[in-house]
Amino acid sequence: MGTTTAPPKNSEAGLRLRRERSVREALATLRLEGLAPTKQVLALADEYIAGRLAAKELTAAVRRLHKKS
């Protein structure tokens, strides 16, 4: 019987998967509400997924973008 193994939760791969899942869920919520993310927000999301931005930094950056609108 074969088994599948998930990456450990605290490994870089595991953390990246969790960040990707969080972004997918957030974008799905936007789309359910009839909204679409801007190119800038998608770029910030990519930075977050890559681990170059923390969640708080992503949130603050998105808020700054929308205050300018």
C-alpha atoms as a PDB file:
ATOM      1  CA  MET A   1       0.000   0.000   0.000  1.00  0.00           C
ATOM      2  CA  GLY A   2       1.456   3.366  -1.002  1.00  0.00           C
ATOM      3  CA  THR A   3       1.482   6.335   1.256  1.00  0.00           C
ATOM      4  CA  THR A   4       1.818   9.980   0.476  1.00  0.00           C
ATOM      5  CA  THR A   5       3.810  12.252   2.664  1.00  0.00           C
ATOM      6  CA  ALA A   6       3.183  15.899   3.118  1.00  0.00           C
ATOM      7  CA  PRO A   7       6.111  18.207   3.758  1.00  0.00           C
ATOM      8  CA  PRO A   8       6.643  18.961   7.454  1.00  0.00           C
ATOM      9  CA  LYS A   9       4.577  21.937   8.555  1.00  0.00           C
ATOM     10  CA  ASN A  10       7.586  24.052   9.454  1.00  0.00           C
ATOM     11  CA  SER A  11       9.720  23.220   6.414  1.00  0.00           C
ATOM     12  CA  GLU A  12      10.117  25.942   3.812  1.00  0.00           C
ATOM     13  CA  ALA A  13       8.067  23.881   1.360  1.00  0.00           C
ATOM     14  CA  GLY A  14       5.328  23.400   3.940  1.00  0.00           C
ATOM     15  CA  LEU A  15       5.253  27.096   4.799  1.00  0.00           C
ATOM     16  CA  ARG A  16       5.097  28.020   1.115  1.00  0.00           C
ATOM     17  CA  LEU A  17       2.171  25.646   0.575  1.00  0.00           C
ATOM     18  CA  ARG A  18       0.320  27.227   3.489  1.00  0.00           C
ATOM     19  CA  ARG A  19       0.970  30.731   2.115  1.00  0.00           C
ATOM     20  CA  GLU A  20      -0.232  29.653  -1.361  1.00  0.00           C
ATOM     21  CA  ARG A  21      -3.389  28.159   0.130  1.00  0.00           C
ATOM     22  CA  SER A  22      -4.078  31.343   2.106  1.00  0.00           C
ATOM     23  CA  VAL A  23      -3.686  33.479  -1.013  1.00  0.00           C
ATOM     24  CA  ARG A  24      -5.925  31.179  -3.089  1.00  0.00           C
ATOM     25  CA  GLU A  25      -8.635  31.352  -0.418  1.00  0.00           C
ATOM     26  CA  ALA A  26      -8.412  35.146  -0.172  1.00  0.00           C
ATOM     27  CA  LEU A  27      -8.600  35.542  -3.960  1.00  0.00           C
ATOM     28  CA  ALA A  28     -11.541  33.147  -4.142  1.00  0.00           C
ATOM     29  CA  THR A  29     -13.367  35.228  -1.539  1.00  0.00           C
ATOM     30  CA  LEU A  30     -12.770  38.374  -3.595  1.00  0.00           C
ATOM     31  CA  ARG A  31     -14.117  36.696  -6.710  1.00  0.00           C
ATOM     32  CA  LEU A  32     -17.193  35.414  -4.876  1.00  0.00           C
ATOM     33  CA  GLU A  33     -17.899  39.022  -3.936  1.00  0.00           C
ATOM     34  CA  GLY A  34     -17.571  40.096  -7.571  1.00  0.00           C
ATOM     35  CA  LEU A  35     -14.188  41.748  -7.058  1.00  0.00           C
ATOM     36  CA  ALA A  36     -10.891  41.177  -8.808  1.00  0.00           C
ATOM     37  CA  PRO A  37      -7.398  41.805  -7.431  1.00  0.00           C
ATOM     38  CA  THR A  38      -5.239  44.394  -9.148  1.00  0.00           C
ATOM     39  CA  LYS A  39      -1.892  43.539 -10.726  1.00  0.00           C
ATOM     40  CA  GLN A  40      -0.206  45.247  -7.774  1.00  0.00           C
ATOM     41  CA  VAL A  41      -2.066  43.063  -5.275  1.00  0.00           C
ATOM     42  CA  LEU A  42      -1.200  39.919  -7.229  1.00  0.00           C
ATOM     43  CA  ALA A  43       2.460  40.965  -7.254  1.00  0.00           C
ATOM     44  CA  LEU A  44       2.352  41.499  -3.489  1.00  0.00           C
ATOM     45  CA  ALA A  45       0.693  38.105  -3.062  1.00  0.00           C
ATOM     46  CA  ASP A  46       3.540  36.521  -5.044  1.00  0.00           C
ATOM     47  CA  GLU A  47       6.048  38.201  -2.709  1.00  0.00           C
ATOM     48  CA  TYR A  48       4.162  36.794   0.285  1.00  0.00           C
ATOM     49  CA  ILE A  49       4.046  33.287  -1.206  1.00  0.00           C
ATOM     50  CA  ALA A  50       7.789  33.439  -1.851  1.00  0.00           C
ATOM     51  CA  GLY A  51       8.354  34.380   1.787  1.00  0.00           C
ATOM     52  CA  ARG A  52       9.697  37.861   1.054  1.00  0.00           C
ATOM     53  CA  LEU A  53       6.751  39.528   2.837  1.00  0.00           C
ATOM     54  CA  ALA A  54       5.135  38.597   6.139  1.00  0.00           C
ATOM     55  CA  ALA A  55       1.344  38.436   6.343  1.00  0.00           C
ATOM     56  CA  LYS A  56       1.215  41.733   8.264  1.00  0.00           C
ATOM     57  CA  GLU A  57       3.400  43.403   5.649  1.00  0.00           C
ATOM     58  CA  LEU A  58       1.160  42.118   2.854  1.00  0.00           C
ATOM     59  CA  THR A  59      -1.950  43.410   4.607  1.00  0.00           C
ATOM     60  CA  ALA A  60      -0.376  46.823   5.248  1.00  0.00           C
ATOM     61  CA  ALA A  61       0.799  47.126   1.642  1.00  0.00           C
ATOM     62  CA  VAL A  62      -2.634  46.252   0.241  1.00  0.00           C
ATOM     63  CA  ARG A  63      -4.274  48.787   2.558  1.00  0.00           C
ATOM     64  CA  ARG A  64      -1.832  51.484   1.417  1.00  0.00           C
ATOM     65  CA  LEU A  65      -2.673  50.715  -2.220  1.00  0.00           C
ATOM     66  CA  HIS A  66      -6.389  51.064  -1.607  1.00  0.00           C
ATOM     67  CA  LYS A  67      -6.077  54.286   0.402  1.00  0.00           C
ATOM     68  CA  LYS A  68      -4.591  55.893  -2.713  1.00  0.00           C
ATOM     69  CA  SER A  69      -7.653  55.001  -4.798  1.00  0.00           C
END
